[in-house]
């Protein structure tokens, strides 16, 4: 006999508590918000930013909050369902990979709002936040193109997701704009947590002549930075301001996730959530390109000015940065 779903949920919740994770809250009578992340919130990047967003919701909106790190698609759906069953008002699934599970569960729990950070699926109680990080990635590429001595750049990603590939597309476009005829080579390690694998990829790209590295690798970004340091080349931070993590970081493509998370949660709390895609680019202030002050002295003033001019064109809509179709 197969165990009943209610028993499975109870066992799952017990397992989370036993492992020291923060599991679904008791049935809430107030405004409750939960977050599912695919990796550790200690990554100083993508997942850390989301957790900061969750804490900002707690502070600014008085919400009760909960967080769980999940690994596989089966866990995504299980945890979405567990939170919804407890009447959690809003659940964030942090990443493109959460959208299918969120769409399935959203149909069953119309009183819970599901938001994924990336994706395209929508419903009355489901929408993605689309961070147009591509706009800042393009600027990273433009800087690389203007400053490269080899005409080659490398890009290191974790899992090969459309949202990651889209930032690579934008970086490559910027690189070629800055160095016509240049090439940007992508490598995916298959993991957002394999620091050693990301370092090996960075070293391999450097040995192929790449003198700039762009990464979108979450916790594994530290491996890219270490590889860049060893080969004495430049790298870029992504998702958070990672300029202080390594002397190799020239600038960062930054997402202000706390602001976006709070704005989204406020819509839900005020009954103004309409199931429409929420987009944030450079013009919103949520996305930004941030120079590393410690490295800026090594950047030619003409490159700084050109980057500023390109940013203004992107903000105004005069120039549209290439991005993936997803």
C-alpha atoms as a PDB file:
ATOM      1  CA  UNK A   1       0.000   0.000   0.000  1.00  0.00           C
ATOM      2  CA  UNK A   2       1.333   3.430  -0.913  1.00  0.00           C
ATOM      3  CA  UNK A   3       1.519   5.972   1.949  1.00  0.00           C
ATOM      4  CA  UNK A   4      -1.091   8.701   1.808  1.00  0.00           C
ATOM      5  CA  UNK A   5       0.032  12.253   0.719  1.00  0.00           C
ATOM      6  CA  UNK A   6      -0.751  13.640   4.172  1.00  0.00           C
ATOM      7  CA  UNK A   7       1.630  11.126   5.727  1.00  0.00           C
ATOM      8  CA  UNK A   8       4.341  11.990   3.186  1.00  0.00           C
ATOM      9  CA  UNK A   9       4.021  15.681   4.023  1.00  0.00           C
ATOM     10  CA  UNK A  10       4.320  14.997   7.718  1.00  0.00           C
ATOM     11  CA  UNK A  11       7.392  12.817   7.211  1.00  0.00           C
ATOM     12  CA  UNK A  12       8.943  15.468   4.946  1.00  0.00           C
ATOM     13  CA  UNK A  13       8.400  18.226   7.477  1.00  0.00           C
ATOM     14  CA  UNK A  14       9.918  16.071  10.229  1.00  0.00           C
ATOM     15  CA  UNK A  15      12.941  15.332   8.047  1.00  0.00           C
ATOM     16  CA  UNK A  16      13.550  19.032   7.432  1.00  0.00           C
ATOM     17  CA  UNK A  17      13.493  19.818  11.137  1.00  0.00           C
ATOM     18  CA  UNK A  18      15.717  16.833  11.880  1.00  0.00           C
ATOM     19  CA  UNK A  19      18.298  18.076   9.354  1.00  0.00           C
ATOM     20  CA  UNK A  20      18.384  21.526  10.896  1.00  0.00           C
ATOM     21  CA  UNK A  21      16.605  23.281   8.015  1.00  0.00           C
ATOM     22  CA  UNK A  22      13.852  25.794   8.483  1.00  0.00           C
ATOM     23  CA  UNK A  23      10.714  24.022   7.284  1.00  0.00           C
ATOM     24  CA  UNK A  24       7.177  25.191   6.524  1.00  0.00           C
ATOM     25  CA  UNK A  25       5.604  27.297   9.272  1.00  0.00           C
ATOM     26  CA  UNK A  26       2.490  26.410  11.186  1.00  0.00           C
ATOM     27  CA  UNK A  27      -0.719  27.520   9.481  1.00  0.00           C
ATOM     28  CA  UNK A  28      -0.489  31.290   9.376  1.00  0.00           C
ATOM     29  CA  UNK A  29      -3.206  33.789  10.161  1.00  0.00           C
ATOM     30  CA  UNK A  30      -1.005  36.747   9.199  1.00  0.00           C
ATOM     31  CA  UNK A  31       1.119  37.589   6.169  1.00  0.00           C
ATOM     32  CA  UNK A  32       3.519  34.697   5.638  1.00  0.00           C
ATOM     33  CA  UNK A  33       6.256  34.389   3.031  1.00  0.00           C
ATOM     34  CA  UNK A  34       8.516  31.455   2.160  1.00  0.00           C
ATOM     35  CA  UNK A  35      11.581  31.039  -0.016  1.00  0.00           C
ATOM     36  CA  UNK A  36      12.967  27.986  -1.797  1.00  0.00           C
ATOM     37  CA  UNK A  37      16.580  28.269  -2.974  1.00  0.00           C
ATOM     38  CA  UNK A  38      18.527  25.771  -5.112  1.00  0.00           C
ATOM     39  CA  UNK A  39      21.751  26.381  -3.212  1.00  0.00           C
ATOM     40  CA  UNK A  40      23.152  27.677   0.077  1.00  0.00           C
ATOM     41  CA  UNK A  41      22.372  31.217   1.197  1.00  0.00           C
ATOM     42  CA  UNK A  42      26.048  31.547   2.125  1.00  0.00           C
ATOM     43  CA  UNK A  43      27.093  31.768  -1.548  1.00  0.00           C
ATOM     44  CA  UNK A  44      27.672  35.561  -1.489  1.00  0.00           C
ATOM     45  CA  UNK A  45      25.679  35.738  -4.706  1.00  0.00           C
ATOM     46  CA  UNK A  46      22.363  34.541  -6.156  1.00  0.00           C
ATOM     47  CA  UNK A  47      20.981  32.701  -3.125  1.00  0.00           C
ATOM     48  CA  UNK A  48      22.390  35.101  -0.557  1.00  0.00           C
ATOM     49  CA  UNK A  49      20.624  37.952  -2.330  1.00  0.00           C
ATOM     50  CA  UNK A  50      17.305  36.106  -2.214  1.00  0.00           C
ATOM     51  CA  UNK A  51      17.620  35.449   1.509  1.00  0.00           C
ATOM     52  CA  UNK A  52      18.402  39.113   2.089  1.00  0.00           C
ATOM     53  CA  UNK A  53      15.198  39.828   0.188  1.00  0.00           C
ATOM     54  CA  UNK A  54      13.254  37.479   2.450  1.00  0.00           C
ATOM     55  CA  UNK A  55      14.663  39.151   5.559  1.00  0.00           C
ATOM     56  CA  UNK A  56      13.786  42.581   4.120  1.00  0.00           C
ATOM     57  CA  UNK A  57      10.174  41.417   3.708  1.00  0.00           C
ATOM     58  CA  UNK A  58      10.162  40.356   7.345  1.00  0.00           C
ATOM     59  CA  UNK A  59      11.519  43.725   8.468  1.00  0.00           C
ATOM     60  CA  UNK A  60       9.557  46.067   6.201  1.00  0.00           C
ATOM     61  CA  UNK A  61       6.232  44.239   5.927  1.00  0.00           C
ATOM     62  CA  UNK A  62       6.112  42.447   9.270  1.00  0.00           C
ATOM     63  CA  UNK A  63       5.816  39.052   7.595  1.00  0.00           C
ATOM     64  CA  UNK A  64       6.515  35.695   9.159  1.00  0.00           C
ATOM     65  CA  UNK A  65       9.148  34.033   6.977  1.00  0.00           C
ATOM     66  CA  UNK A  66      10.596  30.606   6.256  1.00  0.00           C
ATOM     67  CA  UNK A  67      13.350  29.255   4.012  1.00  0.00           C
ATOM     68  CA  UNK A  68      14.289  25.828   2.657  1.00  0.00           C
ATOM     69  CA  UNK A  69      17.199  24.843   0.429  1.00  0.00           C
ATOM     70  CA  UNK A  70      16.068  22.253  -2.115  1.00  0.00           C
ATOM     71  CA  UNK A  71      18.030  20.188  -4.594  1.00  0.00           C
ATOM     72  CA  UNK A  72      15.841  18.331  -7.074  1.00  0.00           C
ATOM     73  CA  UNK A  73      12.645  19.088  -9.051  1.00  0.00           C
ATOM     74  CA  UNK A  74      10.735  16.567  -6.920  1.00  0.00           C
ATOM     75  CA  UNK A  75      11.672  18.577  -3.833  1.00  0.00           C
ATOM     76  CA  UNK A  76      10.601  21.810  -5.528  1.00  0.00           C
ATOM     77  CA  UNK A  77       7.019  20.587  -5.917  1.00  0.00           C
ATOM     78  CA  UNK A  78       6.958  18.900  -2.517  1.00  0.00           C
ATOM     79  CA  UNK A  79       7.975  22.072  -0.701  1.00  0.00           C
ATOM     80  CA  UNK A  80       5.707  24.350  -2.747  1.00  0.00           C
ATOM     81  CA  UNK A  81       2.832  22.046  -1.839  1.00  0.00           C
ATOM     82  CA  UNK A  82       3.798  21.862   1.826  1.00  0.00           C
ATOM     83  CA  UNK A  83       3.898  25.646   2.187  1.00  0.00           C
ATOM     84  CA  UNK A  84       0.633  26.128   0.314  1.00  0.00           C
ATOM     85  CA  UNK A  85      -1.073  23.504   2.471  1.00  0.00           C
ATOM     86  CA  UNK A  86      -0.112  25.598   5.507  1.00  0.00           C
ATOM     87  CA  UNK A  87      -1.781  28.665   3.951  1.00  0.00           C
ATOM     88  CA  UNK A  88       1.477  30.499   3.265  1.00  0.00           C
ATOM     89  CA  UNK A  89       0.457  33.627   1.374  1.00  0.00           C
ATOM     90  CA  UNK A  90       3.499  33.990  -0.886  1.00  0.00           C
ATOM     91  CA  UNK A  91       6.163  31.474  -1.894  1.00  0.00           C
ATOM     92  CA  UNK A  92       9.261  32.379  -3.914  1.00  0.00           C
ATOM     93  CA  UNK A  93      11.010  29.724  -6.006  1.00  0.00           C
ATOM     94  CA  UNK A  94      14.447  31.190  -6.650  1.00  0.00           C
ATOM     95  CA  UNK A  95      15.386  30.412 -10.233  1.00  0.00           C
ATOM     96  CA  UNK A  96      14.193  29.506 -13.714  1.00  0.00           C
ATOM     97  CA  UNK A  97      14.174  25.831 -12.773  1.00  0.00           C
ATOM     98  CA  UNK A  98      11.279  26.331 -10.301  1.00  0.00           C
ATOM     99  CA  UNK A  99       8.650  27.499 -12.767  1.00  0.00           C
ATOM    100  CA  UNK A 100       7.225  24.135 -13.857  1.00  0.00           C
ATOM    101  CA  UNK A 101       6.726  22.912 -10.284  1.00  0.00           C
ATOM    102  CA  UNK A 102       5.241  26.278  -9.285  1.00  0.00           C
ATOM    103  CA  UNK A 103       2.785  26.168 -12.202  1.00  0.00           C
ATOM    104  CA  UNK A 104       1.555  22.698 -11.236  1.00  0.00           C
ATOM    105  CA  UNK A 105       1.014  23.549  -7.566  1.00  0.00           C
ATOM    106  CA  UNK A 106      -0.477  26.989  -8.269  1.00  0.00           C
ATOM    107  CA  UNK A 107      -3.463  25.334  -9.972  1.00  0.00           C
ATOM    108  CA  UNK A 108      -4.275  23.444  -6.774  1.00  0.00           C
ATOM    109  CA  UNK A 109      -3.790  26.301  -4.304  1.00  0.00           C
ATOM    110  CA  UNK A 110      -5.351  29.512  -5.687  1.00  0.00           C
ATOM    111  CA  UNK A 111      -5.036  31.315  -2.350  1.00  0.00           C
ATOM    112  CA  UNK A 112      -1.230  31.111  -2.370  1.00  0.00           C
ATOM    113  CA  UNK A 113       0.819  33.302  -4.715  1.00  0.00           C
ATOM    114  CA  UNK A 114       3.855  31.675  -6.337  1.00  0.00           C
ATOM    115  CA  UNK A 115       6.685  33.804  -7.721  1.00  0.00           C
ATOM    116  CA  UNK A 116       9.720  32.460  -9.544  1.00  0.00           C
ATOM    117  CA  UNK A 117      12.807  34.560 -10.113  1.00  0.00           C
ATOM    118  CA  UNK A 118      13.043  34.052 -13.866  1.00  0.00           C
ATOM    119  CA  UNK A 119      10.794  32.166 -16.231  1.00  0.00           C
ATOM    120  CA  UNK A 120       7.747  32.887 -18.350  1.00  0.00           C
ATOM    121  CA  UNK A 121       4.809  30.975 -16.844  1.00  0.00           C
ATOM    122  CA  UNK A 122       1.952  33.101 -15.489  1.00  0.00           C
ATOM    123  CA  UNK A 123      -1.466  32.557 -13.901  1.00  0.00           C
ATOM    124  CA  UNK A 124      -3.728  34.596 -11.597  1.00  0.00           C
ATOM    125  CA  UNK A 125      -1.580  33.435  -8.657  1.00  0.00           C
ATOM    126  CA  UNK A 126       1.709  32.827 -10.491  1.00  0.00           C
ATOM    127  CA  UNK A 127       4.284  35.134 -12.086  1.00  0.00           C
ATOM    128  CA  UNK A 128       8.014  35.426 -12.668  1.00  0.00           C
ATOM    129  CA  UNK A 129      10.283  38.246 -11.641  1.00  0.00           C
ATOM    130  CA  UNK A 130      12.545  38.783 -14.623  1.00  0.00           C
ATOM    131  CA  UNK A 131      15.822  40.381 -13.595  1.00  0.00           C
ATOM    132  CA  UNK A 132      17.269  41.802 -16.805  1.00  0.00           C
ATOM    133  CA  UNK A 133      20.809  41.155 -15.651  1.00  0.00           C
ATOM    134  CA  UNK A 134      21.712  40.936 -19.322  1.00  0.00           C
ATOM    135  CA  UNK A 135      21.865  44.721 -19.412  1.00  0.00           C
ATOM    136  CA  UNK A 136      24.672  44.843 -16.841  1.00  0.00           C
ATOM    137  CA  UNK A 137      26.302  41.738 -18.367  1.00  0.00           C
ATOM    138  CA  UNK A 138      26.509  43.560 -21.696  1.00  0.00           C
ATOM    139  CA  UNK A 139      28.435  46.374 -20.002  1.00  0.00           C
ATOM    140  CA  UNK A 140      30.836  43.820 -18.489  1.00  0.00           C
ATOM    141  CA  UNK A 141      31.399  42.496 -21.998  1.00  0.00           C
ATOM    142  CA  UNK A 142      31.928  45.967 -23.449  1.00  0.00           C
ATOM    143  CA  UNK A 143      34.586  46.735 -20.838  1.00  0.00           C
ATOM    144  CA  UNK A 144      36.264  43.381 -21.515  1.00  0.00           C
ATOM    145  CA  UNK A 145      36.260  43.997 -25.247  1.00  0.00           C
ATOM    146  CA  UNK A 146      37.842  47.403 -24.940  1.00  0.00           C
ATOM    147  CA  UNK A 147      40.532  46.204 -22.532  1.00  0.00           C
ATOM    148  CA  UNK A 148      41.372  42.716 -23.848  1.00  0.00           C
ATOM    149  CA  UNK A 149      44.839  42.095 -25.218  1.00  0.00           C
ATOM    150  CA  UNK A 150      44.056  38.680 -26.673  1.00  0.00           C
ATOM    151  CA  UNK A 151      40.605  39.188 -28.177  1.00  0.00           C
ATOM    152  CA  UNK A 152      39.381  36.204 -26.141  1.00  0.00           C
ATOM    153  CA  UNK A 153      37.095  36.034 -23.102  1.00  0.00           C
ATOM    154  CA  UNK A 154      35.657  33.125 -21.140  1.00  0.00           C
ATOM    155  CA  UNK A 155      32.274  32.548 -19.517  1.00  0.00           C
ATOM    156  CA  UNK A 156      31.748  30.045 -16.691  1.00  0.00           C
ATOM    157  CA  UNK A 157      28.288  28.863 -15.685  1.00  0.00           C
ATOM    158  CA  UNK A 158      26.928  26.241 -13.334  1.00  0.00           C
ATOM    159  CA  UNK A 159      23.854  24.433 -14.613  1.00  0.00           C
ATOM    160  CA  UNK A 160      23.063  25.211 -18.261  1.00  0.00           C
ATOM    161  CA  UNK A 161      19.778  27.104 -17.782  1.00  0.00           C
ATOM    162  CA  UNK A 162      18.187  29.518 -20.290  1.00  0.00           C
ATOM    163  CA  UNK A 163      18.528  32.394 -17.824  1.00  0.00           C
ATOM    164  CA  UNK A 164      22.283  31.745 -17.434  1.00  0.00           C
ATOM    165  CA  UNK A 165      22.815  31.347 -21.176  1.00  0.00           C
ATOM    166  CA  UNK A 166      20.970  34.630 -21.711  1.00  0.00           C
ATOM    167  CA  UNK A 167      23.502  36.562 -19.617  1.00  0.00           C
ATOM    168  CA  UNK A 168      26.283  34.904 -21.620  1.00  0.00           C
ATOM    169  CA  UNK A 169      24.623  35.981 -24.858  1.00  0.00           C
ATOM    170  CA  UNK A 170      24.553  39.568 -23.613  1.00  0.00           C
ATOM    171  CA  UNK A 171      28.142  39.477 -22.333  1.00  0.00           C
ATOM    172  CA  UNK A 172      29.354  38.104 -25.664  1.00  0.00           C
ATOM    173  CA  UNK A 173      27.474  40.849 -27.549  1.00  0.00           C
ATOM    174  CA  UNK A 174      29.159  43.476 -25.404  1.00  0.00           C
ATOM    175  CA  UNK A 175      32.557  41.860 -25.851  1.00  0.00           C
ATOM    176  CA  UNK A 176      32.248  41.809 -29.640  1.00  0.00           C
ATOM    177  CA  UNK A 177      30.996  45.403 -29.631  1.00  0.00           C
ATOM    178  CA  UNK A 178      34.131  46.376 -27.740  1.00  0.00           C
ATOM    179  CA  UNK A 179      36.447  44.148 -29.780  1.00  0.00           C
ATOM    180  CA  UNK A 180      35.041  43.316 -33.234  1.00  0.00           C
ATOM    181  CA  UNK A 181      36.140  39.853 -34.248  1.00  0.00           C
ATOM    182  CA  UNK A 182      36.694  38.796 -30.647  1.00  0.00           C
ATOM    183  CA  UNK A 183      35.368  35.523 -29.206  1.00  0.00           C
ATOM    184  CA  UNK A 184      33.767  34.637 -25.876  1.00  0.00           C
ATOM    185  CA  UNK A 185      33.809  30.949 -24.976  1.00  0.00           C
ATOM    186  CA  UNK A 186      31.199  29.410 -22.628  1.00  0.00           C
ATOM    187  CA  UNK A 187      31.807  26.540 -20.206  1.00  0.00           C
ATOM    188  CA  UNK A 188      29.187  24.945 -17.956  1.00  0.00           C
ATOM    189  CA  UNK A 189      30.384  22.874 -15.012  1.00  0.00           C
ATOM    190  CA  UNK A 190      26.967  21.372 -14.258  1.00  0.00           C
ATOM    191  CA  UNK A 191      26.996  22.597 -10.651  1.00  0.00           C
ATOM    192  CA  UNK A 192      26.439  25.871  -8.839  1.00  0.00           C
ATOM    193  CA  UNK A 193      28.429  24.646  -5.836  1.00  0.00           C
ATOM    194  CA  UNK A 194      31.493  22.962  -7.345  1.00  0.00           C
ATOM    195  CA  UNK A 195      34.162  25.554  -6.553  1.00  0.00           C
ATOM    196  CA  UNK A 196      36.992  23.262  -7.677  1.00  0.00           C
ATOM    197  CA  UNK A 197      35.272  22.551 -10.974  1.00  0.00           C
ATOM    198  CA  UNK A 198      34.701  26.240 -11.631  1.00  0.00           C
ATOM    199  CA  UNK A 199      38.340  26.993 -10.848  1.00  0.00           C
ATOM    200  CA  UNK A 200      39.463  24.269 -13.257  1.00  0.00           C
ATOM    201  CA  UNK A 201      37.227  25.760 -15.951  1.00  0.00           C
ATOM    202  CA  UNK A 202      38.630  29.221 -15.310  1.00  0.00           C
ATOM    203  CA  UNK A 203      42.216  27.995 -15.515  1.00  0.00           C
ATOM    204  CA  UNK A 204      41.489  26.124 -18.745  1.00  0.00           C
ATOM    205  CA  UNK A 205      39.951  29.210 -20.335  1.00  0.00           C
ATOM    206  CA  UNK A 206      42.883  31.341 -19.220  1.00  0.00           C
ATOM    207  CA  UNK A 207      45.304  28.811 -20.714  1.00  0.00           C
ATOM    208  CA  UNK A 208      43.395  29.118 -24.006  1.00  0.00           C
ATOM    209  CA  UNK A 209      44.183  32.826 -24.041  1.00  0.00           C
ATOM    210  CA  UNK A 210      41.121  34.313 -22.354  1.00  0.00           C
ATOM    211  CA  UNK A 211      42.170  37.367 -20.352  1.00  0.00           C
ATOM    212  CA  UNK A 212      38.681  38.226 -19.019  1.00  0.00           C
ATOM    213  CA  UNK A 213      36.205  35.886 -17.327  1.00  0.00           C
ATOM    214  CA  UNK A 214      32.486  36.427 -16.842  1.00  0.00           C
ATOM    215  CA  UNK A 215      30.668  34.004 -14.563  1.00  0.00           C
ATOM    216  CA  UNK A 216      27.133  33.193 -13.493  1.00  0.00           C
ATOM    217  CA  UNK A 217      27.890  30.328 -11.170  1.00  0.00           C
ATOM    218  CA  UNK A 218      26.468  31.154  -7.712  1.00  0.00           C
ATOM    219  CA  UNK A 219      28.662  29.689  -4.950  1.00  0.00           C
ATOM    220  CA  UNK A 220      31.088  28.281  -7.522  1.00  0.00           C
ATOM    221  CA  UNK A 221      31.983  31.855  -8.530  1.00  0.00           C
ATOM    222  CA  UNK A 222      34.682  31.724  -5.863  1.00  0.00           C
ATOM    223  CA  UNK A 223      36.482  29.116  -7.970  1.00  0.00           C
ATOM    224  CA  UNK A 224      36.390  31.409 -10.998  1.00  0.00           C
ATOM    225  CA  UNK A 225      37.867  34.225  -8.959  1.00  0.00           C
ATOM    226  CA  UNK A 226      40.632  31.979  -7.612  1.00  0.00           C
ATOM    227  CA  UNK A 227      41.500  30.861 -11.132  1.00  0.00           C
ATOM    228  CA  UNK A 228      41.579  34.456 -12.337  1.00  0.00           C
ATOM    229  CA  UNK A 229      43.874  35.414  -9.474  1.00  0.00           C
ATOM    230  CA  UNK A 230      46.303  32.589 -10.280  1.00  0.00           C
ATOM    231  CA  UNK A 231      46.478  33.546 -13.948  1.00  0.00           C
ATOM    232  CA  UNK A 232      46.502  37.262 -13.174  1.00  0.00           C
ATOM    233  CA  UNK A 233      43.513  38.050 -15.367  1.00  0.00           C
ATOM    234  CA  UNK A 234      40.259  39.880 -14.684  1.00  0.00           C
ATOM    235  CA  UNK A 235      36.829  38.541 -13.723  1.00  0.00           C
ATOM    236  CA  UNK A 236      33.362  39.957 -13.027  1.00  0.00           C
ATOM    237  CA  UNK A 237      30.946  39.497 -10.164  1.00  0.00           C
ATOM    238  CA  UNK A 238      27.278  38.743 -10.805  1.00  0.00           C
ATOM    239  CA  UNK A 239      23.945  38.850  -8.966  1.00  0.00           C
ATOM    240  CA  UNK A 240      25.428  40.640  -5.939  1.00  0.00           C
ATOM    241  CA  UNK A 241      28.196  43.171  -5.551  1.00  0.00           C
ATOM    242  CA  UNK A 242      31.124  40.749  -5.391  1.00  0.00           C
ATOM    243  CA  UNK A 243      33.856  43.342  -5.814  1.00  0.00           C
ATOM    244  CA  UNK A 244      35.307  42.697  -2.363  1.00  0.00           C
ATOM    245  CA  UNK A 245      35.581  38.926  -2.838  1.00  0.00           C
ATOM    246  CA  UNK A 246      38.714  39.006  -4.982  1.00  0.00           C
ATOM    247  CA  UNK A 247      41.296  41.481  -6.303  1.00  0.00           C
ATOM    248  CA  UNK A 248      40.644  39.920  -9.719  1.00  0.00           C
ATOM    249  CA  UNK A 249      37.096  41.325  -9.851  1.00  0.00           C
ATOM    250  CA  UNK A 250      36.957  44.418 -12.049  1.00  0.00           C
ATOM    251  CA  UNK A 251      33.233  45.162 -11.646  1.00  0.00           C
ATOM    252  CA  UNK A 252      29.957  43.452 -10.780  1.00  0.00           C
ATOM    253  CA  UNK A 253      26.589  43.058 -12.481  1.00  0.00           C
ATOM    254  CA  UNK A 254      24.324  43.539  -9.472  1.00  0.00           C
ATOM    255  CA  UNK A 255      20.706  42.711  -8.602  1.00  0.00           C
ATOM    256  CA  UNK A 256      19.068  44.558  -5.694  1.00  0.00           C
ATOM    257  CA  UNK A 257      16.950  41.563  -4.736  1.00  0.00           C
ATOM    258  CA  UNK A 258      15.720  42.972  -1.412  1.00  0.00           C
ATOM    259  CA  UNK A 259      14.054  45.868  -3.218  1.00  0.00           C
ATOM    260  CA  UNK A 260      12.429  43.618  -5.844  1.00  0.00           C
ATOM    261  CA  UNK A 261      11.310  41.073  -3.248  1.00  0.00           C
ATOM    262  CA  UNK A 262       9.760  43.716  -1.003  1.00  0.00           C
ATOM    263  CA  UNK A 263       7.959  45.391  -3.909  1.00  0.00           C
ATOM    264  CA  UNK A 264       6.557  42.042  -5.021  1.00  0.00           C
ATOM    265  CA  UNK A 265       5.507  41.025  -1.506  1.00  0.00           C
ATOM    266  CA  UNK A 266       3.835  44.390  -0.965  1.00  0.00           C
ATOM    267  CA  UNK A 267       1.729  43.840  -4.090  1.00  0.00           C
ATOM    268  CA  UNK A 268       0.619  40.496  -2.720  1.00  0.00           C
ATOM    269  CA  UNK A 269      -0.092  41.829   0.761  1.00  0.00           C
ATOM    270  CA  UNK A 270      -2.091  44.780  -0.621  1.00  0.00           C
ATOM    271  CA  UNK A 271      -4.106  42.559  -2.965  1.00  0.00           C
ATOM    272  CA  UNK A 272      -2.569  44.138  -6.075  1.00  0.00           C
ATOM    273  CA  UNK A 273      -0.819  41.073  -7.467  1.00  0.00           C
ATOM    274  CA  UNK A 274      -2.212  40.463 -10.977  1.00  0.00           C
ATOM    275  CA  UNK A 275      -0.207  37.516 -12.294  1.00  0.00           C
ATOM    276  CA  UNK A 276       1.763  39.651 -14.750  1.00  0.00           C
ATOM    277  CA  UNK A 277       5.492  39.289 -15.325  1.00  0.00           C
ATOM    278  CA  UNK A 278       7.528  41.678 -13.170  1.00  0.00           C
ATOM    279  CA  UNK A 279      10.547  43.083 -15.037  1.00  0.00           C
ATOM    280  CA  UNK A 280      13.514  44.924 -13.591  1.00  0.00           C
ATOM    281  CA  UNK A 281      16.329  46.402 -15.682  1.00  0.00           C
ATOM    282  CA  UNK A 282      18.885  49.179 -15.323  1.00  0.00           C
ATOM    283  CA  UNK A 283      16.173  51.856 -15.552  1.00  0.00           C
ATOM    284  CA  UNK A 284      14.443  50.438 -12.458  1.00  0.00           C
ATOM    285  CA  UNK A 285      17.537  50.760 -10.289  1.00  0.00           C
ATOM    286  CA  UNK A 286      17.258  47.091  -9.303  1.00  0.00           C
ATOM    287  CA  UNK A 287      19.938  46.154 -11.841  1.00  0.00           C
ATOM    288  CA  UNK A 288      23.243  48.009 -11.790  1.00  0.00           C
ATOM    289  CA  UNK A 289      26.793  47.881 -13.096  1.00  0.00           C
ATOM    290  CA  UNK A 290      29.227  48.620 -10.259  1.00  0.00           C
ATOM    291  CA  UNK A 291      32.938  49.227 -10.701  1.00  0.00           C
ATOM    292  CA  UNK A 292      35.343  47.806  -8.136  1.00  0.00           C
ATOM    293  CA  UNK A 293      36.875  50.970  -6.612  1.00  0.00           C
ATOM    294  CA  UNK A 294      40.107  49.107  -5.900  1.00  0.00           C
ATOM    295  CA  UNK A 295      40.519  48.224  -9.578  1.00  0.00           C
ATOM    296  CA  UNK A 296      39.125  51.337 -11.253  1.00  0.00           C
ATOM    297  CA  UNK A 297      42.532  53.043 -11.427  1.00  0.00           C
ATOM    298  CA  UNK A 298      43.572  50.386 -13.950  1.00  0.00           C
ATOM    299  CA  UNK A 299      40.691  51.172 -16.316  1.00  0.00           C
ATOM    300  CA  UNK A 300      41.368  53.750 -19.069  1.00  0.00           C
ATOM    301  CA  UNK A 301      39.172  56.854 -18.561  1.00  0.00           C
ATOM    302  CA  UNK A 302      37.872  56.505 -22.111  1.00  0.00           C
ATOM    303  CA  UNK A 303      36.508  53.037 -21.255  1.00  0.00           C
ATOM    304  CA  UNK A 304      34.801  54.383 -18.140  1.00  0.00           C
ATOM    305  CA  UNK A 305      33.137  57.118 -20.173  1.00  0.00           C
ATOM    306  CA  UNK A 306      32.077  54.775 -22.963  1.00  0.00           C
ATOM    307  CA  UNK A 307      30.570  52.382 -20.431  1.00  0.00           C
ATOM    308  CA  UNK A 308      28.651  55.215 -18.805  1.00  0.00           C
ATOM    309  CA  UNK A 309      27.333  56.338 -22.187  1.00  0.00           C
ATOM    310  CA  UNK A 310      26.261  52.787 -23.097  1.00  0.00           C
ATOM    311  CA  UNK A 311      24.492  52.436 -19.758  1.00  0.00           C
ATOM    312  CA  UNK A 312      22.531  55.624 -20.374  1.00  0.00           C
ATOM    313  CA  UNK A 313      21.438  54.363 -23.800  1.00  0.00           C
ATOM    314  CA  UNK A 314      20.248  51.092 -22.285  1.00  0.00           C
ATOM    315  CA  UNK A 315      18.378  52.904 -19.525  1.00  0.00           C
ATOM    316  CA  UNK A 316      16.601  55.177 -22.004  1.00  0.00           C
ATOM    317  CA  UNK A 317      15.679  52.332 -24.338  1.00  0.00           C
ATOM    318  CA  UNK A 318      17.807  53.759 -27.161  1.00  0.00           C
ATOM    319  CA  UNK A 319      19.733  50.484 -27.206  1.00  0.00           C
ATOM    320  CA  UNK A 320      18.226  47.060 -26.538  1.00  0.00           C
ATOM    321  CA  UNK A 321      20.582  44.421 -25.174  1.00  0.00           C
ATOM    322  CA  UNK A 322      20.321  40.955 -26.770  1.00  0.00           C
ATOM    323  CA  UNK A 323      18.790  38.320 -24.510  1.00  0.00           C
ATOM    324  CA  UNK A 324      17.560  34.739 -24.767  1.00  0.00           C
ATOM    325  CA  UNK A 325      14.028  33.877 -25.827  1.00  0.00           C
ATOM    326  CA  UNK A 326      12.532  32.255 -22.738  1.00  0.00           C
END
